[in-house]
Amino acid sequence: MGNTPSEHERKYRDYFVSGDRIGSGTFATVKRSTRKADKKEFAVKIIDKRHLTGRELVGLKDEINILKSMDHPYVIKMADVFDDGRRVKMILELCEGGDLFDQILKSPNRRFEEKKAARITAIIGKCLQYLHEHFVVHRDLKPENILFTKSGTLKVTDFGLAHFLKLPPDFHVMHTCCGTPHYVAPEVLGNNEYGVQLIFGL
């Protein structure tokens, strides 16, 4: 174990080959990526650290640590991570089935049948239960951050605003105003203290 190269010492290009871009955000680009050893396909999330604030760098570190510690069928899996000092490359499970928002828009009358909606809600609930049992809050759960694999398996993704609780859930209070405006609770927008009663509710 002592001779294993760290994520800072290993080079992405020695292990993976990047393909077409499949997504982008404010601070990150996502490309298709192929592992050289077995030709398995992944998604590589590339974050340029030079454009991040100190708080955002802490958030990136938290995101990586959270994904390293997660092992659940409905949480996106991170297979590897590389850091060359300027950019972080996160090797993630490839989800080619689109996101929940797109699936809703493509459904008749832009809504799911009750049985399908109930099934998806139950799956998300199981995923949230797992996260909360491991003292993790997502803080940006929305249809765009719920992806599907090619076979249709749901995956909660984008842990960029996620947070490790330092105290047992019943005692932990948060203050950070974060999330996506259309999905954020009024308590968060109002800069009020919030905790499990808000964050852990479905």
N, C-alpha and C. Protein backbone atom coordinates (compact mmCIF):
# COMPACT_ATOMS: atom_id res chain seq x y z
N MET A 1 0.83 -1.20 0.00
CA MET A 1 0.00 0.00 0.00
C MET A 1 0.86 1.25 0.00
N GLY A 2 2.04 1.18 0.68
CA GLY A 2 2.87 2.35 0.79
C GLY A 2 3.42 2.82 -0.54
N ASN A 3 3.52 1.93 -1.54
CA ASN A 3 4.06 2.29 -2.84
C ASN A 3 2.99 2.65 -3.86
N THR A 4 1.73 2.68 -3.45
CA THR A 4 0.66 3.02 -4.37
C THR A 4 0.69 4.51 -4.68
N PRO A 5 0.75 4.91 -5.96
CA PRO A 5 0.79 6.34 -6.29
C PRO A 5 -0.48 7.04 -5.84
N SER A 6 -0.34 8.28 -5.39
CA SER A 6 -1.51 9.05 -4.97
C SER A 6 -2.21 9.63 -6.18
N GLU A 7 -3.40 10.23 -5.95
CA GLU A 7 -4.15 10.84 -7.04
C GLU A 7 -3.40 12.02 -7.63
N HIS A 8 -2.43 12.58 -6.88
CA HIS A 8 -1.63 13.70 -7.39
C HIS A 8 -0.46 13.21 -8.25
N GLU A 9 0.00 12.00 -8.02
CA GLU A 9 1.16 11.48 -8.73
C GLU A 9 0.79 10.76 -10.03
N ARG A 10 -0.37 10.15 -10.06
CA ARG A 10 -0.80 9.39 -11.23
C ARG A 10 -1.31 10.33 -12.31
N LYS A 11 -1.14 9.96 -13.55
CA LYS A 11 -1.57 10.78 -14.67
C LYS A 11 -2.78 10.14 -15.36
N TYR A 12 -3.79 10.94 -15.59
CA TYR A 12 -5.03 10.46 -16.21
C TYR A 12 -4.76 9.78 -17.54
N ARG A 13 -3.93 10.40 -18.37
CA ARG A 13 -3.71 9.89 -19.73
C ARG A 13 -3.02 8.52 -19.75
N ASP A 14 -2.41 8.14 -18.65
CA ASP A 14 -1.78 6.82 -18.59
C ASP A 14 -2.80 5.70 -18.39
N TYR A 15 -4.00 6.07 -17.95
CA TYR A 15 -5.01 5.07 -17.61
C TYR A 15 -6.29 5.17 -18.46
N PHE A 16 -6.59 6.39 -18.96
CA PHE A 16 -7.85 6.63 -19.65
C PHE A 16 -7.64 7.45 -20.92
N VAL A 17 -8.62 7.34 -21.84
CA VAL A 17 -8.65 8.14 -23.06
C VAL A 17 -9.99 8.86 -23.10
N SER A 18 -9.97 10.19 -23.27
CA SER A 18 -11.21 10.97 -23.29
C SER A 18 -11.86 10.93 -24.67
N GLY A 19 -13.19 11.02 -24.67
CA GLY A 19 -13.95 11.05 -25.91
C GLY A 19 -14.76 12.32 -26.03
N ASP A 20 -15.97 12.22 -26.58
CA ASP A 20 -16.81 13.38 -26.82
C ASP A 20 -17.33 13.98 -25.51
N ARG A 21 -17.60 15.29 -25.56
CA ARG A 21 -18.21 15.95 -24.41
C ARG A 21 -19.68 15.55 -24.33
N ILE A 22 -20.13 15.23 -23.12
CA ILE A 22 -21.53 14.82 -22.94
C ILE A 22 -22.27 15.74 -21.98
N GLY A 23 -21.58 16.74 -21.44
CA GLY A 23 -22.25 17.68 -20.54
C GLY A 23 -21.29 18.75 -20.06
N SER A 24 -21.83 19.83 -19.53
CA SER A 24 -21.00 20.90 -18.99
C SER A 24 -21.80 21.72 -17.99
N GLY A 25 -21.08 22.36 -17.08
CA GLY A 25 -21.70 23.22 -16.09
C GLY A 25 -20.86 24.46 -15.89
N THR A 26 -21.10 25.17 -14.79
CA THR A 26 -20.38 26.41 -14.53
C THR A 26 -18.89 26.18 -14.36
N PHE A 27 -18.52 25.14 -13.63
CA PHE A 27 -17.12 24.90 -13.32
C PHE A 27 -16.59 23.58 -13.85
N ALA A 28 -17.42 22.80 -14.51
CA ALA A 28 -17.00 21.46 -14.90
C ALA A 28 -17.46 21.11 -16.31
N THR A 29 -16.69 20.23 -16.93
CA THR A 29 -17.04 19.63 -18.21
C THR A 29 -17.06 18.11 -18.03
N VAL A 30 -18.02 17.45 -18.65
CA VAL A 30 -18.11 16.00 -18.55
C VAL A 30 -17.90 15.40 -19.94
N LYS A 31 -16.98 14.44 -20.03
CA LYS A 31 -16.70 13.77 -21.29
C LYS A 31 -16.81 12.26 -21.12
N ARG A 32 -17.06 11.60 -22.24
CA ARG A 32 -16.98 10.13 -22.25
C ARG A 32 -15.51 9.75 -22.10
N SER A 33 -15.24 8.69 -21.35
CA SER A 33 -13.87 8.27 -21.10
C SER A 33 -13.77 6.76 -21.15
N THR A 34 -12.70 6.25 -21.74
CA THR A 34 -12.50 4.81 -21.86
C THR A 34 -11.25 4.39 -21.09
N ARG A 35 -11.40 3.38 -20.24
CA ARG A 35 -10.26 2.87 -19.48
C ARG A 35 -9.41 1.99 -20.39
N LYS A 36 -8.14 2.26 -20.47
CA LYS A 36 -7.25 1.55 -21.38
C LYS A 36 -7.15 0.06 -21.07
N ALA A 37 -7.15 -0.28 -19.80
CA ALA A 37 -6.91 -1.67 -19.40
C ALA A 37 -7.97 -2.64 -19.90
N ASP A 38 -9.24 -2.22 -19.86
CA ASP A 38 -10.31 -3.15 -20.23
C ASP A 38 -11.34 -2.56 -21.19
N LYS A 39 -11.08 -1.34 -21.68
CA LYS A 39 -11.96 -0.66 -22.65
C LYS A 39 -13.35 -0.33 -22.07
N LYS A 40 -13.48 -0.37 -20.76
CA LYS A 40 -14.77 -0.02 -20.15
C LYS A 40 -14.99 1.49 -20.22
N GLU A 41 -16.23 1.87 -20.49
CA GLU A 41 -16.54 3.30 -20.64
C GLU A 41 -17.05 3.91 -19.34
N PHE A 42 -16.64 5.15 -19.11
CA PHE A 42 -17.05 5.92 -17.94
C PHE A 42 -17.37 7.34 -18.40
N ALA A 43 -17.73 8.17 -17.44
CA ALA A 43 -17.82 9.61 -17.66
C ALA A 43 -16.73 10.25 -16.82
N VAL A 44 -15.99 11.19 -17.39
CA VAL A 44 -14.97 11.90 -16.62
C VAL A 44 -15.45 13.34 -16.41
N LYS A 45 -15.55 13.73 -15.16
CA LYS A 45 -15.93 15.08 -14.78
C LYS A 45 -14.65 15.87 -14.54
N ILE A 46 -14.44 16.91 -15.35
CA ILE A 46 -13.20 17.67 -15.30
C ILE A 46 -13.47 19.03 -14.67
N ILE A 47 -12.83 19.31 -13.54
CA ILE A 47 -13.03 20.57 -12.83
C ILE A 47 -11.73 21.36 -12.85
N ASP A 48 -11.77 22.59 -13.35
CA ASP A 48 -10.60 23.48 -13.36
C ASP A 48 -10.55 24.20 -12.02
N LYS A 49 -9.59 23.84 -11.18
CA LYS A 49 -9.52 24.40 -9.83
C LYS A 49 -9.13 25.87 -9.82
N ARG A 50 -8.55 26.36 -10.90
CA ARG A 50 -8.10 27.76 -10.93
C ARG A 50 -9.26 28.74 -10.87
N HIS A 51 -10.45 28.29 -11.23
CA HIS A 51 -11.62 29.17 -11.22
C HIS A 51 -12.45 29.04 -9.95
N LEU A 52 -12.00 28.25 -8.99
CA LEU A 52 -12.78 28.01 -7.78
C LEU A 52 -12.32 28.89 -6.63
N THR A 53 -13.26 29.31 -5.81
CA THR A 53 -12.94 30.04 -4.59
C THR A 53 -12.46 29.06 -3.52
N GLY A 54 -11.98 29.60 -2.41
CA GLY A 54 -11.54 28.74 -1.33
C GLY A 54 -12.64 27.84 -0.83
N ARG A 55 -13.85 28.40 -0.68
CA ARG A 55 -14.99 27.60 -0.22
C ARG A 55 -15.34 26.52 -1.23
N GLU A 56 -15.25 26.85 -2.53
CA GLU A 56 -15.58 25.87 -3.57
C GLU A 56 -14.55 24.75 -3.62
N LEU A 57 -13.29 25.07 -3.32
CA LEU A 57 -12.27 24.03 -3.26
C LEU A 57 -12.53 23.06 -2.11
N VAL A 58 -12.99 23.61 -0.99
CA VAL A 58 -13.36 22.76 0.14
C VAL A 58 -14.54 21.86 -0.25
N GLY A 59 -15.51 22.44 -0.97
CA GLY A 59 -16.66 21.67 -1.44
C GLY A 59 -16.26 20.56 -2.39
N LEU A 60 -15.28 20.83 -3.26
CA LEU A 60 -14.79 19.81 -4.18
C LEU A 60 -14.14 18.67 -3.42
N LYS A 61 -13.35 19.01 -2.41
CA LYS A 61 -12.71 17.98 -1.58
C LYS A 61 -13.76 17.14 -0.88
N ASP A 62 -14.80 17.80 -0.36
CA ASP A 62 -15.89 17.07 0.30
C ASP A 62 -16.59 16.13 -0.69
N GLU A 63 -16.86 16.63 -1.91
CA GLU A 63 -17.53 15.81 -2.92
C GLU A 63 -16.73 14.54 -3.20
N ILE A 64 -15.43 14.69 -3.37
CA ILE A 64 -14.58 13.53 -3.66
C ILE A 64 -14.58 12.55 -2.49
N ASN A 65 -14.45 13.06 -1.28
CA ASN A 65 -14.42 12.18 -0.11
C ASN A 65 -15.75 11.47 0.09
N ILE A 66 -16.85 12.17 -0.17
CA ILE A 66 -18.17 11.55 -0.04
C ILE A 66 -18.33 10.43 -1.06
N LEU A 67 -17.98 10.70 -2.32
CA LEU A 67 -18.13 9.67 -3.35
C LEU A 67 -17.21 8.48 -3.09
N LYS A 68 -16.04 8.72 -2.54
CA LYS A 68 -15.14 7.62 -2.20
C LYS A 68 -15.76 6.69 -1.16
N SER A 69 -16.55 7.27 -0.26
CA SER A 69 -17.08 6.50 0.86
C SER A 69 -18.44 5.86 0.58
N MET A 70 -19.08 6.24 -0.54
CA MET A 70 -20.42 5.74 -0.83
C MET A 70 -20.38 4.40 -1.56
N ASP A 71 -21.29 3.51 -1.20
CA ASP A 71 -21.43 2.22 -1.88
C ASP A 71 -22.89 1.82 -1.83
N HIS A 72 -23.66 2.30 -2.79
CA HIS A 72 -25.10 2.05 -2.82
C HIS A 72 -25.55 1.97 -4.27
N PRO A 73 -26.46 1.07 -4.61
CA PRO A 73 -26.86 0.90 -6.02
C PRO A 73 -27.50 2.13 -6.64
N TYR A 74 -28.01 3.06 -5.83
CA TYR A 74 -28.68 4.24 -6.38
C TYR A 74 -27.87 5.52 -6.21
N VAL A 75 -26.60 5.39 -5.82
CA VAL A 75 -25.68 6.54 -5.74
C VAL A 75 -24.63 6.37 -6.82
N ILE A 76 -24.37 7.43 -7.58
CA ILE A 76 -23.38 7.37 -8.65
C ILE A 76 -22.04 6.88 -8.08
N LYS A 77 -21.37 5.99 -8.78
CA LYS A 77 -20.10 5.45 -8.30
C LYS A 77 -18.93 6.20 -8.94
N MET A 78 -17.93 6.49 -8.12
CA MET A 78 -16.69 7.08 -8.62
C MET A 78 -15.63 5.99 -8.66
N ALA A 79 -15.12 5.70 -9.86
CA ALA A 79 -14.16 4.62 -10.02
C ALA A 79 -12.73 5.05 -9.74
N ASP A 80 -12.45 6.35 -9.93
CA ASP A 80 -11.08 6.83 -9.77
C ASP A 80 -11.10 8.35 -9.73
N VAL A 81 -9.98 8.94 -9.33
CA VAL A 81 -9.86 10.40 -9.33
C VAL A 81 -8.40 10.77 -9.57
N PHE A 82 -8.20 11.83 -10.35
CA PHE A 82 -6.86 12.31 -10.67
C PHE A 82 -6.80 13.81 -10.39
N ASP A 83 -5.65 14.27 -9.89
CA ASP A 83 -5.47 15.69 -9.58
C ASP A 83 -4.06 16.09 -10.00
N ASP A 84 -3.96 16.93 -11.05
CA ASP A 84 -2.64 17.35 -11.51
C ASP A 84 -2.24 18.72 -10.96
N GLY A 85 -3.01 19.21 -10.00
CA GLY A 85 -2.72 20.52 -9.42
C GLY A 85 -3.57 21.63 -10.02
N ARG A 86 -3.88 21.50 -11.30
CA ARG A 86 -4.72 22.49 -11.98
C ARG A 86 -6.14 21.99 -12.19
N ARG A 87 -6.25 20.73 -12.54
CA ARG A 87 -7.56 20.15 -12.83
C ARG A 87 -7.74 18.85 -12.04
N VAL A 88 -8.97 18.65 -11.62
CA VAL A 88 -9.36 17.38 -11.02
C VAL A 88 -10.20 16.62 -12.03
N LYS A 89 -9.91 15.35 -12.21
CA LYS A 89 -10.68 14.51 -13.11
C LYS A 89 -11.29 13.36 -12.30
N MET A 90 -12.61 13.37 -12.21
CA MET A 90 -13.34 12.35 -11.46
C MET A 90 -13.92 11.34 -12.44
N ILE A 91 -13.55 10.07 -12.29
CA ILE A 91 -14.01 9.01 -13.17
C ILE A 91 -15.29 8.43 -12.59
N LEU A 92 -16.40 8.68 -13.26
CA LEU A 92 -17.72 8.33 -12.74
C LEU A 92 -18.42 7.29 -13.61
N GLU A 93 -19.33 6.60 -12.99
CA GLU A 93 -20.20 5.66 -13.69
C GLU A 93 -20.89 6.38 -14.85
N LEU A 94 -20.94 5.74 -16.01
CA LEU A 94 -21.56 6.34 -17.19
C LEU A 94 -23.07 6.12 -17.16
N CYS A 95 -23.82 7.21 -17.25
CA CYS A 95 -25.29 7.14 -17.25
C CYS A 95 -25.81 7.67 -18.58
N GLU A 96 -26.24 6.76 -19.43
CA GLU A 96 -26.66 7.14 -20.79
C GLU A 96 -28.17 7.21 -20.95
N GLY A 97 -28.91 7.07 -19.85
CA GLY A 97 -30.37 7.08 -19.94
C GLY A 97 -31.00 8.44 -19.72
N GLY A 98 -30.18 9.50 -19.67
CA GLY A 98 -30.73 10.83 -19.46
C GLY A 98 -31.04 11.10 -18.00
N ASP A 99 -31.63 12.28 -17.73
CA ASP A 99 -31.96 12.61 -16.35
C ASP A 99 -33.47 12.59 -16.13
N LEU A 100 -33.87 12.71 -14.88
CA LEU A 100 -35.28 12.62 -14.52
C LEU A 100 -36.08 13.77 -15.12
N PHE A 101 -35.48 14.94 -15.21
CA PHE A 101 -36.18 16.09 -15.78
C PHE A 101 -36.57 15.82 -17.23
N ASP A 102 -35.62 15.30 -18.01
CA ASP A 102 -35.91 14.98 -19.42
C ASP A 102 -36.98 13.90 -19.54
N GLN A 103 -36.93 12.91 -18.65
CA GLN A 103 -37.93 11.85 -18.71
C GLN A 103 -39.33 12.38 -18.42
N ILE A 104 -39.42 13.33 -17.49
CA ILE A 104 -40.72 13.94 -17.19
C ILE A 104 -41.24 14.69 -18.40
N LEU A 105 -40.38 15.46 -19.05
CA LEU A 105 -40.79 16.24 -20.21
C LEU A 105 -41.24 15.36 -21.37
N LYS A 106 -40.65 14.18 -21.50
CA LYS A 106 -40.98 13.28 -22.60
C LYS A 106 -42.21 12.42 -22.31
N SER A 107 -42.70 12.45 -21.09
CA SER A 107 -43.87 11.65 -20.72
C SER A 107 -45.15 12.31 -21.21
N PRO A 108 -46.21 11.53 -21.45
CA PRO A 108 -47.50 12.11 -21.86
C PRO A 108 -47.97 13.16 -20.86
N ASN A 109 -48.34 14.32 -21.38
CA ASN A 109 -48.79 15.44 -20.53
C ASN A 109 -47.72 15.89 -19.53
N ARG A 110 -46.47 15.52 -19.82
CA ARG A 110 -45.34 15.91 -18.97
C ARG A 110 -45.53 15.49 -17.52
N ARG A 111 -46.01 14.30 -17.34
CA ARG A 111 -46.17 13.75 -15.99
C ARG A 111 -46.09 12.23 -16.06
N PHE A 112 -45.66 11.63 -14.95
CA PHE A 112 -45.58 10.18 -14.87
C PHE A 112 -46.92 9.60 -14.42
N GLU A 113 -47.16 8.35 -14.81
CA GLU A 113 -48.28 7.63 -14.22
C GLU A 113 -47.98 7.41 -12.74
N GLU A 114 -49.05 7.27 -11.96
CA GLU A 114 -48.89 7.22 -10.51
C GLU A 114 -47.95 6.10 -10.06
N LYS A 115 -48.05 4.92 -10.68
CA LYS A 115 -47.21 3.79 -10.27
C LYS A 115 -45.73 4.09 -10.52
N LYS A 116 -45.43 4.70 -11.67
CA LYS A 116 -44.04 5.02 -11.98
C LYS A 116 -43.52 6.10 -11.04
N ALA A 117 -44.34 7.12 -10.78
CA ALA A 117 -43.93 8.19 -9.86
C ALA A 117 -43.67 7.63 -8.46
N ALA A 118 -44.53 6.71 -8.02
CA ALA A 118 -44.37 6.12 -6.69
C ALA A 118 -43.09 5.29 -6.61
N ARG A 119 -42.80 4.55 -7.69
CA ARG A 119 -41.60 3.71 -7.70
C ARG A 119 -40.34 4.56 -7.64
N ILE A 120 -40.30 5.63 -8.44
CA ILE A 120 -39.12 6.50 -8.45
C ILE A 120 -38.97 7.21 -7.11
N THR A 121 -40.08 7.66 -6.53
CA THR A 121 -40.02 8.32 -5.23
C THR A 121 -39.49 7.38 -4.16
N ALA A 122 -39.92 6.12 -4.20
CA ALA A 122 -39.46 5.13 -3.22
C ALA A 122 -37.96 4.88 -3.36
N ILE A 123 -37.47 4.81 -4.60
CA ILE A 123 -36.04 4.59 -4.83
C ILE A 123 -35.23 5.77 -4.31
N ILE A 124 -35.68 6.99 -4.61
CA ILE A 124 -34.97 8.17 -4.11
C ILE A 124 -34.98 8.18 -2.59
N GLY A 125 -36.10 7.78 -2.00
CA GLY A 125 -36.19 7.72 -0.55
C GLY A 125 -35.18 6.75 0.05
N LYS A 126 -35.01 5.58 -0.59
CA LYS A 126 -34.03 4.61 -0.11
C LYS A 126 -32.61 5.17 -0.20
N CYS A 127 -32.36 5.89 -1.28
CA CYS A 127 -31.04 6.49 -1.46
C CYS A 127 -30.78 7.55 -0.39
N LEU A 128 -31.78 8.41 -0.15
CA LEU A 128 -31.63 9.45 0.87
C LEU A 128 -31.44 8.84 2.26
N GLN A 129 -32.17 7.77 2.53
CA GLN A 129 -32.01 7.10 3.82
C GLN A 129 -30.58 6.63 4.01
N TYR A 130 -30.00 6.04 2.95
CA TYR A 130 -28.61 5.59 3.02
C TYR A 130 -27.67 6.76 3.28
N LEU A 131 -27.85 7.86 2.53
CA LEU A 131 -26.99 9.03 2.72
C LEU A 131 -27.08 9.55 4.15
N HIS A 132 -28.30 9.68 4.64
CA HIS A 132 -28.49 10.25 5.98
C HIS A 132 -27.94 9.33 7.06
N GLU A 133 -28.05 8.02 6.86
CA GLU A 133 -27.48 7.07 7.82
C GLU A 133 -25.95 7.18 7.87
N HIS A 134 -25.37 7.69 6.78
CA HIS A 134 -23.92 7.89 6.73
C HIS A 134 -23.55 9.36 6.94
N PHE A 135 -24.48 10.13 7.52
CA PHE A 135 -24.24 11.53 7.89
C PHE A 135 -23.90 12.42 6.69
N VAL A 136 -24.53 12.15 5.56
CA VAL A 136 -24.33 12.97 4.36
C VAL A 136 -25.64 13.62 3.97
N VAL A 137 -25.61 14.93 3.71
CA VAL A 137 -26.76 15.62 3.14
C VAL A 137 -26.39 16.09 1.74
N HIS A 138 -27.30 15.95 0.80
CA HIS A 138 -27.02 16.27 -0.59
C HIS A 138 -27.10 17.77 -0.86
N ARG A 139 -28.17 18.41 -0.45
CA ARG A 139 -28.41 19.86 -0.51
C ARG A 139 -28.65 20.42 -1.92
N ASP A 140 -28.72 19.56 -2.92
CA ASP A 140 -29.07 20.05 -4.26
C ASP A 140 -29.82 18.96 -5.03
N LEU A 141 -30.73 18.28 -4.33
CA LEU A 141 -31.48 17.21 -4.97
C LEU A 141 -32.56 17.80 -5.87
N LYS A 142 -32.51 17.46 -7.16
CA LYS A 142 -33.46 17.97 -8.14
C LYS A 142 -33.49 17.00 -9.31
N PRO A 143 -34.51 17.08 -10.17
CA PRO A 143 -34.61 16.11 -11.27
C PRO A 143 -33.38 16.06 -12.17
N GLU A 144 -32.71 17.20 -12.36
CA GLU A 144 -31.53 17.22 -13.22
C GLU A 144 -30.35 16.46 -12.62
N ASN A 145 -30.36 16.25 -11.31
CA ASN A 145 -29.28 15.53 -10.64
C ASN A 145 -29.63 14.08 -10.35
N ILE A 146 -30.68 13.61 -10.98
CA ILE A 146 -31.05 12.20 -10.89
C ILE A 146 -30.95 11.60 -12.29
N LEU A 147 -29.94 10.77 -12.50
CA LEU A 147 -29.66 10.21 -13.81
C LEU A 147 -30.09 8.75 -13.88
N PHE A 148 -30.07 8.22 -15.11
CA PHE A 148 -30.41 6.82 -15.34
C PHE A 148 -29.34 6.18 -16.20
N THR A 149 -28.99 4.94 -15.87
CA THR A 149 -28.07 4.19 -16.71
C THR A 149 -28.80 3.74 -17.97
N LYS A 150 -28.05 3.15 -18.89
CA LYS A 150 -28.67 2.65 -20.13
C LYS A 150 -29.73 1.60 -19.84
N SER A 151 -29.55 0.84 -18.76
CA SER A 151 -30.52 -0.21 -18.39
C SER A 151 -31.68 0.34 -17.57
N GLY A 152 -31.63 1.63 -17.21
CA GLY A 152 -32.74 2.25 -16.50
C GLY A 152 -32.59 2.36 -14.99
N THR A 153 -31.41 2.03 -14.46
CA THR A 153 -31.18 2.15 -13.02
C THR A 153 -30.99 3.61 -12.63
N LEU A 154 -31.71 4.04 -11.60
CA LEU A 154 -31.64 5.42 -11.13
C LEU A 154 -30.35 5.65 -10.34
N LYS A 155 -29.74 6.83 -10.54
CA LYS A 155 -28.52 7.19 -9.83
C LYS A 155 -28.60 8.65 -9.37
N VAL A 156 -28.47 8.87 -8.06
CA VAL A 156 -28.36 10.23 -7.55
C VAL A 156 -26.92 10.69 -7.76
N THR A 157 -26.76 11.88 -8.34
CA THR A 157 -25.43 12.35 -8.71
C THR A 157 -25.24 13.80 -8.31
N ASP A 158 -24.10 14.36 -8.66
CA ASP A 158 -23.71 15.75 -8.40
C ASP A 158 -23.75 16.08 -6.91
N PHE A 159 -22.68 15.70 -6.23
CA PHE A 159 -22.56 15.95 -4.80
C PHE A 159 -21.71 17.19 -4.52
N GLY A 160 -21.73 18.14 -5.44
CA GLY A 160 -20.92 19.34 -5.30
C GLY A 160 -21.28 20.22 -4.12
N LEU A 161 -22.54 20.15 -3.66
CA LEU A 161 -22.97 20.93 -2.50
C LEU A 161 -23.21 20.05 -1.28
N ALA A 162 -22.88 18.78 -1.41
CA ALA A 162 -23.13 17.84 -0.31
C ALA A 162 -22.24 18.16 0.89
N HIS A 163 -22.67 17.67 2.05
CA HIS A 163 -21.99 18.02 3.29
C HIS A 163 -21.96 16.83 4.23
N PHE A 164 -20.78 16.59 4.83
CA PHE A 164 -20.65 15.58 5.88
C PHE A 164 -21.06 16.21 7.20
N LEU A 165 -22.01 15.63 7.89
CA LEU A 165 -22.41 16.13 9.21
C LEU A 165 -21.33 15.79 10.23
N LYS A 166 -21.01 16.75 11.07
CA LYS A 166 -19.98 16.54 12.09
C LYS A 166 -20.58 16.07 13.41
N LEU A 167 -21.90 16.21 13.54
CA LEU A 167 -22.60 15.79 14.74
C LEU A 167 -23.71 14.83 14.35
N PRO A 168 -24.25 14.07 15.30
CA PRO A 168 -25.43 13.25 14.98
C PRO A 168 -26.52 14.11 14.38
N PRO A 169 -27.28 13.58 13.43
CA PRO A 169 -28.27 14.38 12.68
C PRO A 169 -29.19 15.24 13.53
N ASP A 170 -29.65 14.72 14.67
CA ASP A 170 -30.60 15.48 15.48
C ASP A 170 -29.99 16.72 16.11
N PHE A 171 -28.65 16.81 16.13
CA PHE A 171 -27.99 17.93 16.79
C PHE A 171 -27.29 18.87 15.81
N HIS A 172 -27.24 18.50 14.55
CA HIS A 172 -26.47 19.28 13.58
C HIS A 172 -27.33 20.38 12.96
N VAL A 173 -26.80 21.60 12.96
CA VAL A 173 -27.47 22.74 12.35
C VAL A 173 -26.57 23.32 11.28
N MET A 174 -27.16 23.67 10.12
CA MET A 174 -26.41 24.27 9.01
C MET A 174 -26.91 25.69 8.75
N HIS A 175 -26.03 26.50 8.12
CA HIS A 175 -26.35 27.89 7.87
C HIS A 175 -26.17 28.28 6.40
N THR A 176 -25.39 27.50 5.64
CA THR A 176 -25.02 27.89 4.29
C THR A 176 -26.24 27.97 3.37
N CYS A 177 -26.35 29.11 2.68
CA CYS A 177 -27.40 29.27 1.67
C CYS A 177 -26.89 28.68 0.37
N CYS A 178 -27.45 27.56 -0.06
CA CYS A 178 -26.97 26.90 -1.27
C CYS A 178 -28.10 26.11 -1.91
N GLY A 179 -27.83 25.63 -3.12
CA GLY A 179 -28.85 24.87 -3.84
C GLY A 179 -29.25 25.58 -5.11
N THR A 180 -30.24 25.03 -5.80
CA THR A 180 -30.76 25.61 -7.04
C THR A 180 -32.04 26.38 -6.70
N PRO A 181 -32.11 27.67 -7.08
CA PRO A 181 -33.21 28.55 -6.62
C PRO A 181 -34.61 27.95 -6.67
N HIS A 182 -35.00 27.32 -7.77
CA HIS A 182 -36.37 26.83 -7.90
C HIS A 182 -36.65 25.63 -6.99
N TYR A 183 -35.62 25.06 -6.38
CA TYR A 183 -35.80 23.87 -5.55
C TYR A 183 -35.44 24.10 -4.08
N VAL A 184 -35.00 25.30 -3.75
CA VAL A 184 -34.52 25.57 -2.39
C VAL A 184 -35.67 25.94 -1.47
N ALA A 185 -35.63 25.42 -0.25
CA ALA A 185 -36.66 25.74 0.74
C ALA A 185 -36.53 27.19 1.20
N PRO A 186 -37.64 27.83 1.58
CA PRO A 186 -37.60 29.23 2.05
C PRO A 186 -36.66 29.44 3.22
N GLU A 187 -36.54 28.43 4.10
CA GLU A 187 -35.66 28.56 5.26
C GLU A 187 -34.21 28.76 4.84
N VAL A 188 -33.82 28.11 3.74
CA VAL A 188 -32.45 28.24 3.26
C VAL A 188 -32.25 29.60 2.61
N LEU A 189 -33.19 30.03 1.79
CA LEU A 189 -33.09 31.33 1.12
C LEU A 189 -33.08 32.47 2.12
N GLY A 190 -33.73 32.27 3.26
CA GLY A 190 -33.81 33.32 4.26
C GLY A 190 -32.62 33.37 5.20
N ASN A 191 -31.58 32.56 4.89
CA ASN A 191 -30.38 32.51 5.72
C ASN A 191 -30.68 32.10 7.16
N ASN A 192 -31.73 31.32 7.36
CA ASN A 192 -32.06 30.82 8.68
C ASN A 192 -31.26 29.54 8.96
N GLU A 193 -31.16 29.19 10.23
CA GLU A 193 -30.59 27.90 10.57
C GLU A 193 -31.52 26.80 10.08
N TYR A 194 -30.94 25.69 9.62
CA TYR A 194 -31.77 24.57 9.19
C TYR A 194 -31.09 23.27 9.55
N GLY A 195 -31.89 22.24 9.70
CA GLY A 195 -31.33 20.95 10.11
C GLY A 195 -32.11 19.80 9.55
N VAL A 196 -32.18 18.71 10.31
CA VAL A 196 -32.76 17.48 9.78
C VAL A 196 -34.24 17.63 9.44
N GLN A 197 -34.95 18.48 10.16
CA GLN A 197 -36.38 18.63 9.89
C GLN A 197 -36.63 19.14 8.48
N LEU A 198 -35.68 19.90 7.94
CA LEU A 198 -35.81 20.44 6.58
C LEU A 198 -35.06 19.58 5.58
N ILE A 199 -33.78 19.37 5.83
CA ILE A 199 -32.92 18.71 4.86
C ILE A 199 -33.26 17.23 4.70
N PHE A 200 -33.67 16.56 5.78
CA PHE A 200 -33.90 15.13 5.70
C PHE A 200 -35.32 14.80 5.25
N GLY A 201 -36.17 15.78 5.06
CA GLY A 201 -37.53 15.51 4.60
C GLY A 201 -37.56 15.29 3.11
N LEU A 202 -38.49 14.47 2.66
CA LEU A 202 -38.65 14.26 1.22
C LEU A 202 -39.50 15.36 0.63
